[in-house]
C-alpha atoms as a PDB file:
ATOM      1  CA  MET A   1      15.933  -4.854  24.697  1.00  0.00           C
ATOM      2  CA  ALA A   2      16.604  -2.623  21.630  1.00  0.00           C
ATOM      3  CA  GLU A   3      16.894  -5.856  19.467  1.00  0.00           C
ATOM      4  CA  LEU A   4      13.639  -7.056  20.868  1.00  0.00           C
ATOM      5  CA  GLU A   5      11.799  -3.495  19.958  1.00  0.00           C
ATOM      6  CA  GLY A   6      13.259  -3.705  16.490  1.00  0.00           C
ATOM      7  CA  GLU A   7      11.979  -7.124  15.617  1.00  0.00           C
ATOM      8  CA  ARG A   8       8.664  -6.045  17.058  1.00  0.00           C
ATOM      9  CA  GLU A   9       8.394  -2.836  14.494  1.00  0.00           C
ATOM     10  CA  ARG A  10       9.545  -5.345  11.857  1.00  0.00           C
ATOM     11  CA  GLU A  11       6.494  -7.609  12.447  1.00  0.00           C
ATOM     12  CA  ARG A  12       3.977  -4.683  12.643  1.00  0.00           C
ATOM     13  CA  GLU A  13       5.081  -3.221   9.212  1.00  0.00           C
ATOM     14  CA  PRO A  14       3.957  -6.228   7.058  1.00  0.00           C
ATOM     15  CA  VAL A  15       0.718  -6.454   9.070  1.00  0.00           C
ATOM     16  CA  ALA A  16       0.001  -2.721   8.387  1.00  0.00           C
ATOM     17  CA  GLU A  17       0.701  -3.007   4.685  1.00  0.00           C
ATOM     18  CA  SER A  18      -1.529  -5.983   4.351  1.00  0.00           C
ATOM     19  CA  VAL A  19      -4.372  -4.038   5.953  1.00  0.00           C
ATOM     20  CA  GLU A  20      -3.568  -0.984   3.646  1.00  0.00           C
ATOM     21  CA  ASP A  21      -3.700  -3.415   0.694  1.00  0.00           C
ATOM     22  CA  LYS A  22      -7.106  -4.861   1.599  1.00  0.00           C
ATOM     23  CA  ILE A  23      -8.529  -1.364   2.112  1.00  0.00           C
ATOM     24  CA  THR A  24      -7.513  -0.512  -1.183  1.00  0.00           C
ATOM     25  CA  GLU A  25      -8.557  -3.448  -2.868  1.00  0.00           C
ATOM     26  CA  LYS A  26     -12.199  -2.944  -1.296  1.00  0.00           C
ATOM     27  CA  ILE A  27     -11.989   0.649  -2.334  1.00  0.00           C
ATOM     28  CA  ASP A  28     -11.030  -0.147  -5.727  1.00  0.00           C
ATOM     29  CA  GLY A  29     -13.809  -2.998  -5.899  1.00  0.00           C
ATOM     30  CA  GLY A  30     -16.392  -0.558  -4.809  1.00  0.00           C
ATOM     31  CA  ASP A  31     -15.260   1.798  -7.481  1.00  0.00           C
ATOM     32  CA  SER A  32     -15.235  -0.800 -10.330  1.00  0.00           C
ATOM     33  CA  SER A  33     -18.617  -1.970  -9.175  1.00  0.00           C
ATOM     34  CA  SER A  34     -20.078   1.525  -8.895  1.00  0.00           C
ATOM     35  CA  SER A  35     -18.714   2.276 -12.653  1.00  0.00           C
ATOM     36  CA  SER A  36     -19.860  -0.969 -14.024  1.00  0.00           C
ATOM     37  CA  SER A  37     -23.370  -0.329 -12.334  1.00  0.00           C
ATOM     38  CA  SER A  38     -23.435   3.178 -13.881  1.00  0.00           C
ATOM     39  CA  ASP A  39     -22.473   1.945 -17.355  1.00  0.00           C
ATOM     40  CA  SER A  40     -25.239  -0.681 -17.124  1.00  0.00           C
ATOM     41  CA  ASP A  41     -27.688   2.220 -16.208  1.00  0.00           C
ATOM     42  CA  ASP A  42     -26.608   4.236 -19.126  1.00  0.00           C
ATOM     43  CA  ASP A  43     -27.144   1.259 -21.166  1.00  0.00           C
ATOM     44  CA  LYS A  44     -30.621   0.752 -19.841  1.00  0.00           C
ATOM     45  CA  LEU A  45     -31.384   4.299 -20.347  1.00  0.00           C
ATOM     46  CA  ASP A  46     -30.164   4.127 -24.138  1.00  0.00           C
ATOM     47  CA  ALA A  47     -32.426   0.889 -24.596  1.00  0.00           C
ATOM     48  CA  VAL A  48     -35.423   2.779 -23.113  1.00  0.00           C
ATOM     49  CA  LYS A  49     -34.705   5.854 -25.245  1.00  0.00           C
ATOM     50  CA  SER A  50     -34.518   3.710 -28.384  1.00  0.00           C
ATOM     51  CA  LYS A  51     -37.644   1.762 -27.781  1.00  0.00           C
ATOM     52  CA  VAL A  52     -39.861   5.025 -27.323  1.00  0.00           C
ATOM     53  CA  PHE A  53     -41.993   5.850 -30.417  1.00  0.00           C
ATOM     54  CA  ARG A  54     -41.218   9.091 -32.139  1.00  0.00           C
ATOM     55  CA  LEU A  55     -43.127  10.875 -34.868  1.00  0.00           C
ATOM     56  CA  PHE A  56     -42.013  10.109 -38.362  1.00  0.00           C
ATOM     57  CA  GLY A  57     -39.333   7.412 -36.881  1.00  0.00           C
ATOM     58  CA  ARG A  58     -36.854  10.218 -36.067  1.00  0.00           C
ATOM     59  CA  GLU A  59     -33.789   9.800 -33.927  1.00  0.00           C
ATOM     60  CA  LYS A  60     -32.619  13.116 -33.699  1.00  0.00           C
ATOM     61  CA  PRO A  61     -33.825  16.462 -31.763  1.00  0.00           C
ATOM     62  CA  VAL A  62     -36.119  18.578 -33.658  1.00  0.00           C
ATOM     63  CA  HIS A  63     -33.379  21.122 -33.897  1.00  0.00           C
ATOM     64  CA  LYS A  64     -31.026  18.724 -35.925  1.00  0.00           C
ATOM     65  CA  VAL A  65     -34.061  17.554 -37.955  1.00  0.00           C
ATOM     66  CA  LEU A  66     -34.579  21.108 -39.033  1.00  0.00           C
ATOM     67  CA  GLY A  67     -31.111  21.095 -40.231  1.00  0.00           C
ATOM     68  CA  GLY A  68     -29.518  23.001 -37.325  1.00  0.00           C
ATOM     69  CA  GLY A  69     -27.764  26.356 -37.299  1.00  0.00           C
ATOM     70  CA  LYS A  70     -29.475  29.635 -37.579  1.00  0.00           C
ATOM     71  CA  PRO A  71     -32.680  28.726 -39.728  1.00  0.00           C
ATOM     72  CA  ALA A  72     -33.399  25.903 -37.141  1.00  0.00           C
ATOM     73  CA  ASP A  73     -33.011  28.723 -34.192  1.00  0.00           C
ATOM     74  CA  VAL A  74     -35.354  30.824 -36.307  1.00  0.00           C
ATOM     75  CA  PHE A  75     -37.881  28.213 -36.548  1.00  0.00           C
ATOM     76  CA  LEU A  76     -37.835  27.097 -32.986  1.00  0.00           C
ATOM     77  CA  TRP A  77     -37.903  30.666 -31.704  1.00  0.00           C
ATOM     78  CA  ARG A  78     -34.393  30.379 -29.927  1.00  0.00           C
ATOM     79  CA  ASN A  79     -34.210  34.259 -30.413  1.00  0.00           C
ATOM     80  CA  LYS A  80     -37.728  35.698 -30.258  1.00  0.00           C
ATOM     81  CA  LYS A  81     -36.954  38.998 -31.614  1.00  0.00           C
ATOM     82  CA  ILE A  82     -35.291  37.528 -34.861  1.00  0.00           C
ATOM     83  CA  SER A  83     -38.215  35.142 -35.384  1.00  0.00           C
ATOM     84  CA  ALA A  84     -40.901  37.568 -34.740  1.00  0.00           C
ATOM     85  CA  GLY A  85     -39.149  39.810 -37.158  1.00  0.00           C
ATOM     86  CA  VAL A  86     -39.065  37.213 -39.873  1.00  0.00           C
ATOM     87  CA  LEU A  87     -42.521  36.184 -39.383  1.00  0.00           C
ATOM     88  CA  GLY A  88     -43.497  39.793 -39.292  1.00  0.00           C
ATOM     89  CA  GLY A  89     -41.879  40.573 -42.590  1.00  0.00           C
ATOM     90  CA  ALA A  90     -43.619  37.602 -44.316  1.00  0.00           C
ATOM     91  CA  THR A  91     -46.630  38.652 -42.870  1.00  0.00           C
ATOM     92  CA  ALA A  92     -46.016  42.082 -44.373  1.00  0.00           C
ATOM     93  CA  VAL A  93     -45.273  40.845 -47.857  1.00  0.00           C
ATOM     94  CA  TRP A  94     -48.402  38.614 -48.040  1.00  0.00           C
ATOM     95  CA  VAL A  95     -50.563  41.564 -46.946  1.00  0.00           C
ATOM     96  CA  PHE A  96     -48.932  43.944 -49.465  1.00  0.00           C
ATOM     97  CA  PHE A  97     -49.532  41.573 -52.399  1.00  0.00           C
ATOM     98  CA  GLU A  98     -52.506  39.650 -51.439  1.00  0.00           C
ATOM     99  CA  LEU A  99     -54.656  42.126 -49.553  1.00  0.00           C
ATOM    100  CA  LEU A 100     -53.521  45.410 -51.122  1.00  0.00           C
ATOM    101  CA  GLU A 101     -53.272  43.455 -54.382  1.00  0.00           C
ATOM    102  CA  TYR A 102     -49.866  44.885 -55.435  1.00  0.00           C
ATOM    103  CA  HIS A 103     -48.120  43.132 -58.426  1.00  0.00           C
ATOM    104  CA  LEU A 104     -44.575  41.880 -57.955  1.00  0.00           C
ATOM    105  CA  ILE A 105     -43.458  43.171 -61.411  1.00  0.00           C
ATOM    106  CA  THR A 106     -44.708  46.537 -60.557  1.00  0.00           C
ATOM    107  CA  LEU A 107     -43.236  46.588 -57.162  1.00  0.00           C
ATOM    108  CA  LEU A 108     -39.811  45.618 -58.707  1.00  0.00           C
ATOM    109  CA  CYS A 109     -40.109  48.260 -61.412  1.00  0.00           C
ATOM    110  CA  HIS A 110     -40.986  51.057 -58.993  1.00  0.00           C
ATOM    111  CA  LEU A 111     -38.199  50.091 -56.529  1.00  0.00           C
ATOM    112  CA  SER A 112     -35.662  49.974 -59.576  1.00  0.00           C
ATOM    113  CA  ILE A 113     -36.878  53.368 -60.610  1.00  0.00           C
ATOM    114  CA  PHE A 114     -36.482  54.737 -57.211  1.00  0.00           C
ATOM    115  CA  SER A 115     -33.100  53.344 -56.640  1.00  0.00           C
ATOM    116  CA  LEU A 116     -31.463  54.417 -59.992  1.00  0.00           C
ATOM    117  CA  ALA A 117     -33.030  57.864 -59.577  1.00  0.00           C
ATOM    118  CA  VAL A 118     -31.463  58.265 -56.087  1.00  0.00           C
ATOM    119  CA  LEU A 119     -28.057  57.082 -57.058  1.00  0.00           C
ATOM    120  CA  PHE A 120     -28.056  59.165 -60.375  1.00  0.00           C
ATOM    121  CA  LEU A 121     -28.803  62.382 -58.575  1.00  0.00           C
ATOM    122  CA  TRP A 122     -26.471  61.658 -55.861  1.00  0.00           C
ATOM    123  CA  SER A 123     -23.751  60.728 -58.276  1.00  0.00           C
ATOM    124  CA  ASN A 124     -24.138  64.274 -59.961  1.00  0.00           C
ATOM    125  CA  ALA A 125     -24.886  66.385 -57.102  1.00  0.00           C
ATOM    126  CA  SER A 126     -21.494  65.102 -55.172  1.00  0.00           C
ATOM    127  CA  ASN A 127     -19.666  67.166 -57.628  1.00  0.00           C
ATOM    128  CA  PHE A 128     -21.305  70.526 -56.649  1.00  0.00           C
ATOM    129  CA  LEU A 129     -21.530  69.657 -53.117  1.00  0.00           C
ATOM    130  CA  ASN A 130     -17.968  68.361 -52.706  1.00  0.00           C
ATOM    131  CA  LYS A 131     -18.902  65.144 -51.151  1.00  0.00           C
ATOM    132  CA  PRO A 132     -17.748  61.666 -52.268  1.00  0.00           C
ATOM    133  CA  PRO A 133     -19.952  60.040 -54.597  1.00  0.00           C
ATOM    134  CA  PRO A 134     -22.040  56.973 -53.597  1.00  0.00           C
ATOM    135  CA  LYS A 135     -20.057  53.621 -53.518  1.00  0.00           C
ATOM    136  CA  ILE A 136     -21.687  51.121 -55.740  1.00  0.00           C
ATOM    137  CA  PRO A 137     -20.776  47.641 -55.383  1.00  0.00           C
ATOM    138  CA  GLU A 138     -19.616  45.538 -58.343  1.00  0.00           C
ATOM    139  CA  VAL A 139     -21.511  42.375 -58.390  1.00  0.00           C
ATOM    140  CA  VAL A 140     -20.141  39.495 -60.670  1.00  0.00           C
ATOM    141  CA  LEU A 141     -21.522  35.912 -60.677  1.00  0.00           C
ATOM    142  CA  SER A 142     -18.487  33.536 -60.744  1.00  0.00           C
ATOM    143  CA  GLU A 143     -18.669  30.588 -63.103  1.00  0.00           C
ATOM    144  CA  LYS A 144     -17.878  28.147 -59.998  1.00  0.00           C
ATOM    145  CA  CYS A 145     -21.075  29.331 -58.169  1.00  0.00           C
ATOM    146  CA  VAL A 146     -23.260  29.101 -61.401  1.00  0.00           C
ATOM    147  CA  ARG A 147     -22.002  25.473 -61.699  1.00  0.00           C
ATOM    148  CA  GLU A 148     -22.543  24.591 -58.196  1.00  0.00           C
ATOM    149  CA  VAL A 149     -26.247  25.800 -58.238  1.00  0.00           C
ATOM    150  CA  ALA A 150     -26.775  23.996 -61.522  1.00  0.00           C
ATOM    151  CA  SER A 151     -25.328  21.021 -60.281  1.00  0.00           C
ATOM    152  CA  GLY A 152     -27.445  20.993 -57.318  1.00  0.00           C
ATOM    153  CA  LEU A 153     -30.391  21.534 -59.162  1.00  0.00           C
ATOM    154  CA  ARG A 154     -29.760  18.831 -61.398  1.00  0.00           C
ATOM    155  CA  ILE A 155     -29.126  16.273 -58.588  1.00  0.00           C
ATOM    156  CA  GLU A 156     -32.464  17.261 -57.014  1.00  0.00           C
ATOM    157  CA  ILE A 157     -34.413  17.077 -60.151  1.00  0.00           C
ATOM    158  CA  ASN A 158     -33.062  13.584 -60.970  1.00  0.00           C
ATOM    159  CA  ARG A 159     -33.765  12.297 -57.534  1.00  0.00           C
ATOM    160  CA  GLY A 160     -37.261  13.529 -58.013  1.00  0.00           C
ATOM    161  CA  PHE A 161     -37.643  11.412 -61.420  1.00  0.00           C
ATOM    162  CA  VAL A 162     -36.347   8.409 -59.708  1.00  0.00           C
ATOM    163  CA  VAL A 163     -38.789   8.773 -56.796  1.00  0.00           C
ATOM    164  CA  LEU A 164     -41.837   9.266 -59.292  1.00  0.00           C
ATOM    165  CA  ARG A 165     -40.447   6.261 -61.517  1.00  0.00           C
ATOM    166  CA  ASP A 166     -40.555   3.985 -58.622  1.00  0.00           C
ATOM    167  CA  ILE A 167     -43.985   5.378 -57.523  1.00  0.00           C
ATOM    168  CA  ALA A 168     -45.266   4.677 -61.126  1.00  0.00           C
ATOM    169  CA  SER A 169     -43.737   1.257 -61.259  1.00  0.00           C
ATOM    170  CA  GLY A 170     -45.873  -0.332 -58.608  1.00  0.00           C
ATOM    171  CA  ARG A 171     -42.869  -1.182 -56.287  1.00  0.00           C
ATOM    172  CA  ASP A 172     -44.352   0.431 -53.159  1.00  0.00           C
ATOM    173  CA  LEU A 173     -48.062   0.457 -52.696  1.00  0.00           C
ATOM    174  CA  LYS A 174     -47.833   2.384 -49.495  1.00  0.00           C
ATOM    175  CA  LYS A 175     -45.658   5.324 -50.989  1.00  0.00           C
ATOM    176  CA  PHE A 176     -48.212   5.389 -54.077  1.00  0.00           C
ATOM    177  CA  LEU A 177     -51.269   5.802 -51.820  1.00  0.00           C
ATOM    178  CA  ALA A 178     -49.552   8.488 -49.812  1.00  0.00           C
ATOM    179  CA  VAL A 179     -48.404  10.534 -52.760  1.00  0.00           C
ATOM    180  CA  ILE A 180     -51.862  10.289 -54.315  1.00  0.00           C
ATOM    181  CA  ALA A 181     -53.423  11.440 -50.874  1.00  0.00           C
ATOM    182  CA  GLY A 182     -50.838  14.170 -50.612  1.00  0.00           C
ATOM    183  CA  LEU A 183     -51.393  15.498 -54.169  1.00  0.00           C
ATOM    184  CA  TRP A 184     -55.384  15.365 -53.749  1.00  0.00           C
ATOM    185  CA  ALA A 185     -55.159  17.450 -50.630  1.00  0.00           C
ATOM    186  CA  LEU A 186     -52.761  19.846 -52.168  1.00  0.00           C
ATOM    187  CA  SER A 187     -55.022  20.255 -54.888  1.00  0.00           C
ATOM    188  CA  LEU A 188     -57.978  20.898 -52.568  1.00  0.00           C
ATOM    189  CA  VAL A 189     -55.901  23.653 -50.959  1.00  0.00           C
ATOM    190  CA  GLY A 190     -54.892  25.100 -54.212  1.00  0.00           C
ATOM    191  CA  SER A 191     -58.739  25.495 -55.154  1.00  0.00           C
ATOM    192  CA  CYS A 192     -59.120  27.614 -52.034  1.00  0.00           C
ATOM    193  CA  CYS A 193     -55.991  29.859 -52.162  1.00  0.00           C
ATOM    194  CA  ASN A 194     -53.349  31.012 -54.720  1.00  0.00           C
ATOM    195  CA  ILE A 195     -49.577  30.186 -54.523  1.00  0.00           C
ATOM    196  CA  LEU A 196     -48.491  33.019 -52.508  1.00  0.00           C
ATOM    197  CA  THR A 197     -51.239  32.329 -49.804  1.00  0.00           C
ATOM    198  CA  LEU A 198     -50.079  28.734 -49.793  1.00  0.00           C
ATOM    199  CA  LEU A 199     -46.319  29.694 -49.439  1.00  0.00           C
ATOM    200  CA  TYR A 200     -47.496  32.121 -46.564  1.00  0.00           C
ATOM    201  CA  ILE A 201     -49.438  29.318 -44.618  1.00  0.00           C
ATOM    202  CA  SER A 202     -46.344  26.952 -44.997  1.00  0.00           C
ATOM    203  CA  PHE A 203     -44.237  29.604 -43.478  1.00  0.00           C
ATOM    204  CA  VAL A 204     -46.414  30.202 -40.837  1.00  0.00           C
ATOM    205  CA  LEU A 205     -46.706  26.460 -40.179  1.00  0.00           C
ATOM    206  CA  LEU A 206     -42.918  26.177 -40.009  1.00  0.00           C
ATOM    207  CA  HIS A 207     -42.743  28.844 -37.366  1.00  0.00           C
ATOM    208  CA  THR A 208     -45.409  27.392 -35.181  1.00  0.00           C
ATOM    209  CA  VAL A 209     -45.664  23.569 -35.472  1.00  0.00           C
ATOM    210  CA  PRO A 210     -41.964  22.503 -34.691  1.00  0.00           C
ATOM    211  CA  VAL A 211     -41.839  24.843 -31.507  1.00  0.00           C
ATOM    212  CA  LEU A 212     -45.109  23.454 -30.228  1.00  0.00           C
ATOM    213  CA  TYR A 213     -44.052  19.914 -31.082  1.00  0.00           C
ATOM    214  CA  GLU A 214     -40.958  20.409 -29.211  1.00  0.00           C
ATOM    215  CA  LYS A 215     -42.834  21.899 -26.303  1.00  0.00           C
ATOM    216  CA  TYR A 216     -45.242  18.931 -26.010  1.00  0.00           C
ATOM    217  CA  GLU A 217     -43.186  16.206 -27.548  1.00  0.00           C
ATOM    218  CA  ASP A 218     -43.870  13.558 -25.112  1.00  0.00           C
ATOM    219  CA  GLN A 219     -47.745  13.984 -25.431  1.00  0.00           C
ATOM    220  CA  VAL A 220     -47.799  14.068 -29.212  1.00  0.00           C
ATOM    221  CA  ASP A 221     -45.504  11.104 -29.582  1.00  0.00           C
ATOM    222  CA  ALA A 222     -47.824   9.047 -27.161  1.00  0.00           C
ATOM    223  CA  TYR A 223     -50.925   9.844 -29.114  1.00  0.00           C
ATOM    224  CA  SER A 224     -49.104   9.539 -32.644  1.00  0.00           C
ATOM    225  CA  GLU A 225     -48.162   5.946 -31.438  1.00  0.00           C
ATOM    226  CA  LYS A 226     -51.996   4.936 -30.746  1.00  0.00           C
ATOM    227  CA  THR A 227     -52.844   6.592 -33.988  1.00  0.00           C
ATOM    228  CA  TRP A 228     -50.169   4.881 -35.932  1.00  0.00           C
ATOM    229  CA  ILE A 229     -51.020   1.450 -34.509  1.00  0.00           C
ATOM    230  CA  GLU A 230     -54.603   1.953 -35.360  1.00  0.00           C
ATOM    231  CA  ILE A 231     -53.740   2.966 -39.034  1.00  0.00           C
ATOM    232  CA  LYS A 232     -51.500  -0.290 -39.266  1.00  0.00           C
ATOM    233  CA  LYS A 233     -54.636  -2.341 -38.452  1.00  0.00           C
ATOM    234  CA  GLN A 234     -56.981  -0.640 -40.818  1.00  0.00           C
ATOM    235  CA  TYR A 235     -54.097  -0.992 -43.625  1.00  0.00           C
ATOM    236  CA  ALA A 236     -53.818  -4.547 -42.835  1.00  0.00           C
ATOM    237  CA  VAL A 237     -57.381  -5.197 -43.167  1.00  0.00           C
ATOM    238  CA  LEU A 238     -57.636  -3.240 -46.307  1.00  0.00           C
ATOM    239  CA  ASP A 239     -54.464  -5.050 -47.660  1.00  0.00           C
ATOM    240  CA  GLU A 240     -55.999  -8.485 -46.884  1.00  0.00           C
ATOM    241  CA  LYS A 241     -59.427  -7.755 -48.498  1.00  0.00           C
ATOM    242  CA  TYR A 242     -58.474  -5.655 -51.473  1.00  0.00           C
ATOM    243  CA  LEU A 243     -54.821  -4.628 -52.064  1.00  0.00           C
ATOM    244  CA  SER A 244     -53.241  -7.899 -52.045  1.00  0.00           C
ATOM    245  CA  LYS A 245     -55.256  -8.932 -54.898  1.00  0.00           C
ATOM    246  CA  ILE A 246     -53.957  -6.294 -57.233  1.00  0.00           C
ATOM    247  CA  PRO A 247     -51.317  -7.622 -59.618  1.00  0.00           C
ATOM    248  CA  LYS A 248     -47.925  -6.457 -58.784  1.00  0.00           C
ATOM    249  CA  GLY A 249     -45.592  -4.274 -61.052  1.00  0.00           C
ATOM    250  CA  PRO A 250     -43.288  -6.098 -63.551  1.00  0.00           C
ATOM    251  CA  LEU A 251     -40.045  -4.824 -61.609  1.00  0.00           C
ATOM    252  CA  LYS A 252     -41.228  -6.434 -58.415  1.00  0.00           C
ATOM    253  CA  GLU A 253     -41.768  -9.586 -60.267  1.00  0.00           C
ATOM    254  CA  LYS A 254     -38.224  -9.493 -61.604  1.00  0.00           C
ATOM    255  CA  LYS A 255     -36.575  -8.641 -58.112  1.00  0.00           C
ATOM    256  CA  LYS A 256     -38.357 -11.937 -56.660  1.00  0.00           C
ATOM    257  CA  ASP A 257     -36.974 -14.056 -59.355  1.00  0.00           C
END
């Protein structure tokens, strides 16, 4: 009897193992199928996101487009107190110079006179009052710092010359028309206000337009897509009737050859 029971237990063990193997295979198959389906869903989402029209063809969030870090946080009002303080300070400067008509050189001279007078009196009075004199920091510009600034300016100036040369050589008609329109609009704005007011307007726009665009991004992008399609249609008509008849620049002809 004991031998028969031992044989039966041996027969049951492989059957149980086979059942467990089948169950694990099904579970593994379900996991792999679910993971593959999730991967395919992620790929579909990425494909849909890549097809969505974005203003100026950007592929990064607004925060990264603005450079990231603290300046982008200020422009996007991540910290409302800091952003409001910066905008309020710029407004105070504009009111001080534009509305009150205070001149920059006069202001700098008055601030320098006041600072030097306070430090001079404090340094002399400290001997009589038995108090430590003021700690005036020693400011020294390093040669490395000056060279880095000069190198950065040189690179940007050379880049601007390259862009101007490309525009003037007739390589890109779209860029030429865009620059002409931008300069014409800037001249109209310049005739209405001075450089300080123009800088202040630009500063206010930097603190309002990006945060509003980030808030209503989908609506703005949808409207921009329709506008851009219409502009392309009008440009195609203009190019067919007039622009295509304009002779190309010599550099573009050499490239084709």
